[in-house]
Amino acid sequence: MKKYGLFSLLLFILLCMACAKPKAFEYRELKNVQLQQANLDKTNLTFQLVYFNPNKFAVDLKRVDGEVYINNNYLGKVILDTAMHINKLSEFTISSTLSVNTISVLKNSISGFWGNETLIKVIGTTRVGRLGFYKTVPFNYEAKHQLKLF
């Protein structure tokens, strides 16, 4: 009987730990924004996003879905469908490519990409979890950046 009591207690503790609600990642920095490919139909922008994991436990990042706006104009959608382990209380970097309509980039480049501050907004969700339990966590990032693409 003691075996079942101890097993039940350990199982309860494990479930409580697994069910702790993960906090949203804290944005730290946008870096290495580069124009990779540009033609009349499509433009590819690559960049790296630096985040901090404020959780007191490591998590696994399974998916990121986000919509990107520049100066409140819709630019495109970022989807990262890759698994990534993130250590507790640490910074991590996500590399991404954003494919957008070239007309949208040109429209935004007039006001933003030539040295002026550009308002960048990303709204979306991340799928994070640990020990096989995953949860969708929303995020909303908005800040001004000085982008130099040309």
C-alpha atoms as a PDB file:
ATOM      1  CA  MET A   1       0.000   0.000   0.000  1.00  0.00           C
ATOM      2  CA  LYS A   2       2.918   2.373   0.739  1.00  0.00           C
ATOM      3  CA  LYS A   3       4.189   1.860  -2.824  1.00  0.00           C
ATOM      4  CA  TYR A   4       0.918   3.125  -4.288  1.00  0.00           C
ATOM      5  CA  GLY A   5       0.823   6.120  -1.947  1.00  0.00           C
ATOM      6  CA  LEU A   6       4.370   7.148  -2.841  1.00  0.00           C
ATOM      7  CA  PHE A   7       3.703   6.577  -6.549  1.00  0.00           C
ATOM      8  CA  SER A   8       0.506   8.648  -6.357  1.00  0.00           C
ATOM      9  CA  LEU A   9       2.327  11.479  -4.583  1.00  0.00           C
ATOM     10  CA  LEU A  10       5.124  11.508  -7.186  1.00  0.00           C
ATOM     11  CA  LEU A  11       2.605  11.411 -10.014  1.00  0.00           C
ATOM     12  CA  PHE A  12       0.674  14.309  -8.459  1.00  0.00           C
ATOM     13  CA  ILE A  13       3.865  16.397  -8.084  1.00  0.00           C
ATOM     14  CA  LEU A  14       4.892  15.626 -11.671  1.00  0.00           C
ATOM     15  CA  LEU A  15       1.480  16.646 -13.016  1.00  0.00           C
ATOM     16  CA  CYS A  16       1.521  19.871 -11.006  1.00  0.00           C
ATOM     17  CA  MET A  17       4.951  20.714 -12.393  1.00  0.00           C
ATOM     18  CA  ALA A  18       3.892  19.850 -15.931  1.00  0.00           C
ATOM     19  CA  CYS A  19       0.758  21.987 -15.698  1.00  0.00           C
ATOM     20  CA  ALA A  20       2.478  25.196 -14.540  1.00  0.00           C
ATOM     21  CA  LYS A  21       1.399  27.902 -16.954  1.00  0.00           C
ATOM     22  CA  PRO A  22       4.325  29.045 -19.117  1.00  0.00           C
ATOM     23  CA  LYS A  23       4.908  32.792 -19.285  1.00  0.00           C
ATOM     24  CA  ALA A  24       5.179  34.535 -22.633  1.00  0.00           C
ATOM     25  CA  PHE A  25       8.684  35.070 -23.980  1.00  0.00           C
ATOM     26  CA  GLU A  26      10.131  38.564 -23.567  1.00  0.00           C
ATOM     27  CA  TYR A  27      11.320  40.226 -26.747  1.00  0.00           C
ATOM     28  CA  ARG A  28      14.883  41.555 -26.552  1.00  0.00           C
ATOM     29  CA  GLU A  29      16.151  42.463 -29.998  1.00  0.00           C
ATOM     30  CA  LEU A  30      15.617  42.368 -33.761  1.00  0.00           C
ATOM     31  CA  LYS A  31      18.917  41.948 -35.562  1.00  0.00           C
ATOM     32  CA  ASN A  32      20.518  41.099 -38.886  1.00  0.00           C
ATOM     33  CA  VAL A  33      17.619  42.259 -41.056  1.00  0.00           C
ATOM     34  CA  GLN A  34      18.648  41.546 -44.637  1.00  0.00           C
ATOM     35  CA  LEU A  35      17.051  41.643 -48.044  1.00  0.00           C
ATOM     36  CA  GLN A  36      17.749  38.177 -49.491  1.00  0.00           C
ATOM     37  CA  GLN A  37      15.789  38.044 -52.714  1.00  0.00           C
ATOM     38  CA  ALA A  38      13.818  40.682 -54.536  1.00  0.00           C
ATOM     39  CA  ASN A  39      11.936  40.438 -57.791  1.00  0.00           C
ATOM     40  CA  LEU A  40       8.698  41.925 -59.074  1.00  0.00           C
ATOM     41  CA  ASP A  41       6.505  39.356 -57.340  1.00  0.00           C
ATOM     42  CA  LYS A  42       8.169  38.436 -54.081  1.00  0.00           C
ATOM     43  CA  THR A  43      10.751  39.761 -51.642  1.00  0.00           C
ATOM     44  CA  ASN A  44      12.414  37.655 -48.948  1.00  0.00           C
ATOM     45  CA  LEU A  45      13.574  39.329 -45.756  1.00  0.00           C
ATOM     46  CA  THR A  46      15.676  37.387 -43.272  1.00  0.00           C
ATOM     47  CA  PHE A  47      16.160  38.404 -39.670  1.00  0.00           C
ATOM     48  CA  GLN A  48      16.905  37.116 -36.206  1.00  0.00           C
ATOM     49  CA  LEU A  49      14.721  37.660 -33.161  1.00  0.00           C
ATOM     50  CA  VAL A  50      16.287  37.485 -29.708  1.00  0.00           C
ATOM     51  CA  TYR A  51      13.967  36.520 -26.850  1.00  0.00           C
ATOM     52  CA  PHE A  52      14.287  35.729 -23.154  1.00  0.00           C
ATOM     53  CA  ASN A  53      12.582  32.762 -21.484  1.00  0.00           C
ATOM     54  CA  PRO A  54      11.297  34.150 -18.121  1.00  0.00           C
ATOM     55  CA  ASN A  55      10.125  30.726 -16.960  1.00  0.00           C
ATOM     56  CA  LYS A  56      11.900  28.936 -14.128  1.00  0.00           C
ATOM     57  CA  PHE A  57      11.828  25.794 -16.238  1.00  0.00           C
ATOM     58  CA  ALA A  58      13.026  24.829 -19.693  1.00  0.00           C
ATOM     59  CA  VAL A  59      10.396  24.641 -22.431  1.00  0.00           C
ATOM     60  CA  ASP A  60      10.125  23.262 -25.918  1.00  0.00           C
ATOM     61  CA  LEU A  61       9.040  25.628 -28.663  1.00  0.00           C
ATOM     62  CA  LYS A  62       6.994  23.793 -31.248  1.00  0.00           C
ATOM     63  CA  ARG A  63       5.508  26.484 -33.484  1.00  0.00           C
ATOM     64  CA  VAL A  64       5.332  30.253 -33.993  1.00  0.00           C
ATOM     65  CA  ASP A  65       2.602  31.965 -36.025  1.00  0.00           C
ATOM     66  CA  GLY A  66       2.709  35.717 -36.412  1.00  0.00           C
ATOM     67  CA  GLU A  67       1.449  38.515 -38.592  1.00  0.00           C
ATOM     68  CA  VAL A  68       3.927  41.313 -39.286  1.00  0.00           C
ATOM     69  CA  TYR A  69       2.939  44.953 -39.719  1.00  0.00           C
ATOM     70  CA  ILE A  70       5.233  47.825 -40.675  1.00  0.00           C
ATOM     71  CA  ASN A  71       3.910  51.301 -39.937  1.00  0.00           C
ATOM     72  CA  ASN A  72       0.511  49.643 -39.335  1.00  0.00           C
ATOM     73  CA  ASN A  73       0.465  48.194 -42.869  1.00  0.00           C
ATOM     74  CA  TYR A  74       0.184  44.404 -43.149  1.00  0.00           C
ATOM     75  CA  LEU A  75       3.456  43.035 -44.488  1.00  0.00           C
ATOM     76  CA  GLY A  76       3.194  39.266 -44.242  1.00  0.00           C
ATOM     77  CA  LYS A  77       2.974  36.170 -42.105  1.00  0.00           C
ATOM     78  CA  VAL A  78       5.795  34.440 -40.244  1.00  0.00           C
ATOM     79  CA  ILE A  79       5.395  30.735 -39.565  1.00  0.00           C
ATOM     80  CA  LEU A  80       8.089  28.720 -37.817  1.00  0.00           C
ATOM     81  CA  ASP A  81       7.194  25.067 -37.652  1.00  0.00           C
ATOM     82  CA  THR A  82      10.312  23.706 -36.017  1.00  0.00           C
ATOM     83  CA  ALA A  83      11.058  22.188 -32.639  1.00  0.00           C
ATOM     84  CA  MET A  84      13.502  24.018 -30.376  1.00  0.00           C
ATOM     85  CA  HIS A  85      14.539  23.416 -26.759  1.00  0.00           C
ATOM     86  CA  ILE A  86      14.851  26.602 -24.687  1.00  0.00           C
ATOM     87  CA  ASN A  87      16.684  26.602 -21.368  1.00  0.00           C
ATOM     88  CA  LYS A  88      15.177  28.223 -18.285  1.00  0.00           C
ATOM     89  CA  LEU A  89      15.876  31.922 -17.629  1.00  0.00           C
ATOM     90  CA  SER A  90      17.946  32.316 -20.802  1.00  0.00           C
ATOM     91  CA  GLU A  91      18.079  34.232 -24.061  1.00  0.00           C
ATOM     92  CA  PHE A  92      17.568  32.450 -27.350  1.00  0.00           C
ATOM     93  CA  THR A  93      17.579  33.430 -31.009  1.00  0.00           C
ATOM     94  CA  ILE A  94      15.088  32.494 -33.699  1.00  0.00           C
ATOM     95  CA  SER A  95      16.147  32.939 -37.332  1.00  0.00           C
ATOM     96  CA  SER A  96      13.341  33.533 -39.779  1.00  0.00           C
ATOM     97  CA  THR A  97      12.503  34.404 -43.355  1.00  0.00           C
ATOM     98  CA  LEU A  98       9.523  36.531 -44.268  1.00  0.00           C
ATOM     99  CA  SER A  99       8.241  36.343 -47.839  1.00  0.00           C
ATOM    100  CA  VAL A 100       6.230  39.392 -48.791  1.00  0.00           C
ATOM    101  CA  ASN A 101       4.692  41.071 -51.773  1.00  0.00           C
ATOM    102  CA  THR A 102       7.298  43.393 -53.317  1.00  0.00           C
ATOM    103  CA  ILE A 103       4.765  46.225 -53.679  1.00  0.00           C
ATOM    104  CA  SER A 104       4.202  46.145 -49.896  1.00  0.00           C
ATOM    105  CA  VAL A 105       7.940  46.383 -49.257  1.00  0.00           C
ATOM    106  CA  LEU A 106       8.328  49.297 -51.672  1.00  0.00           C
ATOM    107  CA  LYS A 107       5.357  51.074 -50.126  1.00  0.00           C
ATOM    108  CA  ASN A 108       6.890  50.759 -46.657  1.00  0.00           C
ATOM    109  CA  SER A 109      10.447  51.485 -47.800  1.00  0.00           C
ATOM    110  CA  ILE A 110       9.568  55.032 -48.749  1.00  0.00           C
ATOM    111  CA  SER A 111       8.764  55.932 -45.153  1.00  0.00           C
ATOM    112  CA  GLY A 112      10.749  53.438 -43.141  1.00  0.00           C
ATOM    113  CA  PHE A 113      13.696  51.706 -44.692  1.00  0.00           C
ATOM    114  CA  TRP A 114      15.774  54.788 -45.498  1.00  0.00           C
ATOM    115  CA  GLY A 115      16.909  55.628 -41.994  1.00  0.00           C
ATOM    116  CA  ASN A 116      13.694  56.802 -40.342  1.00  0.00           C
ATOM    117  CA  GLU A 117      12.273  54.918 -37.401  1.00  0.00           C
ATOM    118  CA  THR A 118       9.840  52.253 -38.483  1.00  0.00           C
ATOM    119  CA  LEU A 119       7.030  50.914 -36.325  1.00  0.00           C
ATOM    120  CA  ILE A 120       7.176  47.108 -36.362  1.00  0.00           C
ATOM    121  CA  LYS A 121       4.312  45.128 -34.907  1.00  0.00           C
ATOM    122  CA  VAL A 122       4.078  41.338 -34.680  1.00  0.00           C
ATOM    123  CA  ILE A 123       0.932  39.691 -33.332  1.00  0.00           C
ATOM    124  CA  GLY A 124       0.634  35.951 -32.987  1.00  0.00           C
ATOM    125  CA  THR A 125       0.942  32.795 -30.943  1.00  0.00           C
ATOM    126  CA  THR A 126       3.621  30.326 -29.900  1.00  0.00           C
ATOM    127  CA  ARG A 127       3.126  26.675 -29.040  1.00  0.00           C
ATOM    128  CA  VAL A 128       5.277  25.860 -26.008  1.00  0.00           C
ATOM    129  CA  GLY A 129       5.352  23.077 -23.496  1.00  0.00           C
ATOM    130  CA  ARG A 130       7.300  20.584 -21.493  1.00  0.00           C
ATOM    131  CA  LEU A 131       7.061  16.937 -20.612  1.00  0.00           C
ATOM    132  CA  GLY A 132       4.743  16.382 -23.580  1.00  0.00           C
ATOM    133  CA  PHE A 133       2.135  18.967 -22.523  1.00  0.00           C
ATOM    134  CA  TYR A 134       1.836  21.919 -24.929  1.00  0.00           C
ATOM    135  CA  LYS A 135      -0.055  25.180 -24.673  1.00  0.00           C
ATOM    136  CA  THR A 136      -0.653  28.020 -27.108  1.00  0.00           C
ATOM    137  CA  VAL A 137       0.649  31.308 -25.680  1.00  0.00           C
ATOM    138  CA  PRO A 138      -0.246  34.612 -27.406  1.00  0.00           C
ATOM    139  CA  PHE A 139       2.259  37.406 -27.960  1.00  0.00           C
ATOM    140  CA  ASN A 140       2.020  41.002 -29.084  1.00  0.00           C
ATOM    141  CA  TYR A 141       5.190  42.914 -29.917  1.00  0.00           C
ATOM    142  CA  GLU A 142       5.347  46.550 -30.979  1.00  0.00           C
ATOM    143  CA  ALA A 143       8.362  48.868 -31.152  1.00  0.00           C
ATOM    144  CA  LYS A 144      10.147  51.357 -33.361  1.00  0.00           C
ATOM    145  CA  HIS A 145      13.330  50.291 -35.129  1.00  0.00           C
ATOM    146  CA  GLN A 146      15.714  51.953 -37.490  1.00  0.00           C
ATOM    147  CA  LEU A 147      16.063  49.577 -40.422  1.00  0.00           C
ATOM    148  CA  LYS A 148      18.806  49.919 -43.008  1.00  0.00           C
ATOM    149  CA  LEU A 149      18.133  47.502 -45.835  1.00  0.00           C
ATOM    150  CA  PHE A 150      19.679  49.421 -48.712  1.00  0.00           C
END
